[in-house]
Amino acid sequence: MRLTKQTNYAVRILMYCTANAGHLSRVAEIARAYGVSEPFLFKILQPLTEGGLIETVRGRNGGIRLGRDASDITLLDVVRLTEDNFSMAECFDRDDTGCPLVETCRLSSALREALGAFFGVLAKYSIADLARPSDNIGMLLGLDPLEVPIVAH
């Protein structure tokens, strides 16, 4: 299974906001840090906002911040919001009746078990786990660690 580019950058947006905790993050800054376009990131923000993982603050000094504590956002939360389809084979789609083995197929059963294990691992890791301050992630993203927080959550 391969995750989409959108999911990859959704996680990166959340990591950026985690590293920038106490401040509003601006999409332009995030786009610059990761070398991607702002419109691409805005597209990704929609499901994150609708799912409550990101909050937006409008206005001249607006921006985005985490909608929940980073330790309460799992990779599974992000993947469920940003991925459309988890069918690993055609027979995962119940509408596909072309295979006479669909009800008894061990391949389908094995793939479902594998997908469950994949989800289980994703559920074990939070955004906080991925953006630990000890990893100097803020510095690597160009964030100023000495800057005084301007926004209380």
Protein backbone atom coordinates (compact mmCIF):
# COMPACT_ATOMS: atom_id res chain seq x y z
CA MET A 1 0.00 0.00 0.00
CA ARG A 2 1.26 3.43 -0.89
CA LEU A 3 -0.06 6.56 0.78
CA THR A 4 -0.85 9.58 -1.35
CA LYS A 5 1.21 12.74 -1.52
CA GLN A 6 -1.68 14.51 0.20
CA THR A 7 -1.42 12.22 3.22
CA ASN A 8 2.33 12.69 3.36
CA TYR A 9 1.97 16.47 3.41
CA ALA A 10 -0.97 16.37 5.83
CA VAL A 11 1.35 14.70 8.33
CA ARG A 12 4.05 17.28 7.54
CA ILE A 13 1.61 20.17 8.14
CA LEU A 14 0.69 18.70 11.53
CA MET A 15 4.36 18.19 12.40
CA TYR A 16 5.10 21.80 11.46
CA CYS A 17 2.26 23.06 13.67
CA THR A 18 3.52 20.85 16.50
CA ALA A 19 7.04 22.21 16.18
CA ASN A 20 5.58 25.73 16.09
CA ALA A 21 3.38 25.18 19.16
CA GLY A 22 2.18 28.35 20.81
CA HIS A 23 2.28 30.24 17.52
CA LEU A 24 -0.02 30.42 14.57
CA SER A 25 1.54 28.81 11.51
CA ARG A 26 1.08 30.40 8.14
CA VAL A 27 0.54 28.32 5.03
CA ALA A 28 3.13 30.37 3.13
CA GLU A 29 5.77 29.52 5.74
CA ILE A 30 4.86 25.82 5.69
CA ALA A 31 4.95 25.77 1.88
CA ARG A 32 8.37 27.43 1.90
CA ALA A 33 9.72 25.01 4.53
CA TYR A 34 8.67 21.96 2.49
CA GLY A 35 9.19 23.42 -0.99
CA VAL A 36 5.60 22.98 -2.19
CA SER A 37 2.91 25.36 -3.43
CA GLU A 38 0.44 27.12 -1.17
CA PRO A 39 -2.60 26.00 -3.24
CA PHE A 40 -1.51 22.38 -2.78
CA LEU A 41 -1.37 22.83 1.02
CA PHE A 42 -4.71 24.67 1.12
CA LYS A 43 -6.31 21.68 -0.61
CA ILE A 44 -4.91 19.39 2.09
CA LEU A 45 -6.05 21.67 4.92
CA GLN A 46 -9.74 21.21 4.11
CA PRO A 47 -10.10 17.61 5.38
CA LEU A 48 -7.78 18.34 8.32
CA THR A 49 -9.95 21.28 9.35
CA GLU A 50 -13.22 19.41 8.81
CA GLY A 51 -11.84 16.51 10.87
CA GLY A 52 -10.87 18.81 13.75
CA LEU A 53 -7.13 18.20 13.46
CA ILE A 54 -6.43 21.80 12.41
CA GLU A 55 -8.05 25.07 13.48
CA THR A 56 -7.94 28.14 11.28
CA VAL A 57 -7.76 31.70 12.53
CA ARG A 58 -8.85 34.29 10.00
CA GLY A 59 -7.66 37.84 9.67
CA ARG A 60 -4.51 39.79 9.01
CA ASN A 61 -2.60 37.96 11.72
CA GLY A 62 -4.37 34.66 11.09
CA GLY A 63 -2.99 31.24 10.43
CA ILE A 64 -3.46 27.65 11.48
CA ARG A 65 -2.79 25.59 14.60
CA LEU A 66 -3.53 22.13 15.87
CA GLY A 67 -7.17 21.48 16.70
CA ARG A 68 -6.17 18.93 19.36
CA ASP A 69 -3.06 18.18 21.32
CA ALA A 70 -0.41 16.56 19.11
CA SER A 71 -0.31 13.54 21.42
CA ASP A 72 -4.03 12.99 20.71
CA ILE A 73 -3.66 12.92 16.91
CA THR A 74 -2.56 9.56 15.56
CA LEU A 75 -1.23 8.72 12.15
CA LEU A 76 -4.37 6.63 11.71
CA ASP A 77 -6.51 9.75 12.28
CA VAL A 78 -4.65 11.51 9.46
CA VAL A 79 -4.74 8.57 7.07
CA ARG A 80 -8.48 8.06 7.56
CA LEU A 81 -9.12 11.73 6.74
CA THR A 82 -6.89 11.94 3.70
CA GLU A 83 -7.03 8.56 1.97
CA ASP A 84 -10.05 7.64 -0.14
CA ASN A 85 -9.69 3.93 -0.60
CA PHE A 86 -8.12 1.09 1.34
CA SER A 87 -8.92 -1.64 -1.17
CA MET A 88 -5.76 -3.67 -1.54
CA ALA A 89 -7.30 -5.88 -4.22
CA GLU A 90 -10.36 -5.72 -6.47
CA CYS A 91 -12.17 -8.24 -4.28
CA PHE A 92 -12.15 -5.77 -1.37
CA ASP A 93 -14.95 -4.00 -3.20
CA ARG A 94 -18.08 -6.00 -2.45
CA ASP A 95 -19.59 -4.88 -5.76
CA ASP A 96 -16.99 -6.95 -7.62
CA THR A 97 -18.68 -10.26 -8.21
CA GLY A 98 -16.40 -11.38 -11.02
CA CYS A 99 -14.50 -13.85 -8.85
CA PRO A 100 -16.22 -17.09 -7.85
CA LEU A 101 -13.99 -17.32 -4.75
CA VAL A 102 -14.94 -13.94 -3.27
CA GLU A 103 -16.81 -15.44 -0.28
CA THR A 104 -14.14 -18.02 0.64
CA CYS A 105 -10.90 -16.55 -0.67
CA ARG A 106 -7.98 -16.77 1.70
CA LEU A 107 -6.12 -14.05 -0.19
CA SER A 108 -8.83 -11.55 0.66
CA SER A 109 -8.75 -12.68 4.28
CA ALA A 110 -4.96 -12.36 4.47
CA LEU A 111 -5.03 -8.89 2.93
CA ARG A 112 -7.73 -7.75 5.36
CA GLU A 113 -5.59 -9.01 8.24
CA ALA A 114 -2.58 -7.14 6.83
CA LEU A 115 -4.61 -3.95 6.49
CA GLY A 116 -5.79 -4.31 10.09
CA ALA A 117 -2.18 -4.70 11.24
CA PHE A 118 -1.21 -1.62 9.21
CA PHE A 119 -3.97 0.40 10.88
CA GLY A 120 -2.89 -0.94 14.27
CA VAL A 121 0.65 0.34 13.81
CA LEU A 122 -0.57 3.74 12.59
CA ALA A 123 -2.77 4.03 15.69
CA LYS A 124 0.28 3.58 17.94
CA TYR A 125 2.07 6.71 16.70
CA SER A 126 0.99 10.27 17.40
CA ILE A 127 2.04 13.48 15.70
CA ALA A 128 3.83 14.34 18.95
CA ASP A 129 5.92 11.17 18.52
CA LEU A 130 6.95 12.34 15.06
CA ALA A 131 7.77 15.92 16.01
CA ARG A 132 9.73 15.55 19.25
CA PRO A 133 11.62 18.73 20.17
CA SER A 134 14.73 16.65 20.88
CA ASP A 135 14.96 15.96 17.15
CA ASN A 136 15.46 19.70 16.46
CA ILE A 137 12.57 19.59 14.03
CA GLY A 138 11.76 23.28 14.56
CA MET A 139 15.27 24.32 13.63
CA LEU A 140 15.22 22.07 10.56
CA LEU A 141 11.95 23.70 9.46
CA GLY A 142 13.37 27.20 9.90
CA LEU A 143 11.39 28.04 13.03
CA ASP A 144 12.94 30.45 15.55
CA PRO A 145 13.11 28.68 18.93
CA LEU A 146 13.70 31.98 20.76
CA GLU A 147 10.58 33.69 19.45
CA VAL A 148 7.96 34.42 22.10
CA PRO A 149 4.61 32.63 21.50
CA ILE A 150 1.93 35.00 20.18
CA VAL A 151 -1.11 32.75 20.36
CA ALA A 152 -2.46 30.83 23.32
CA HIS A 153 -4.39 27.68 22.50
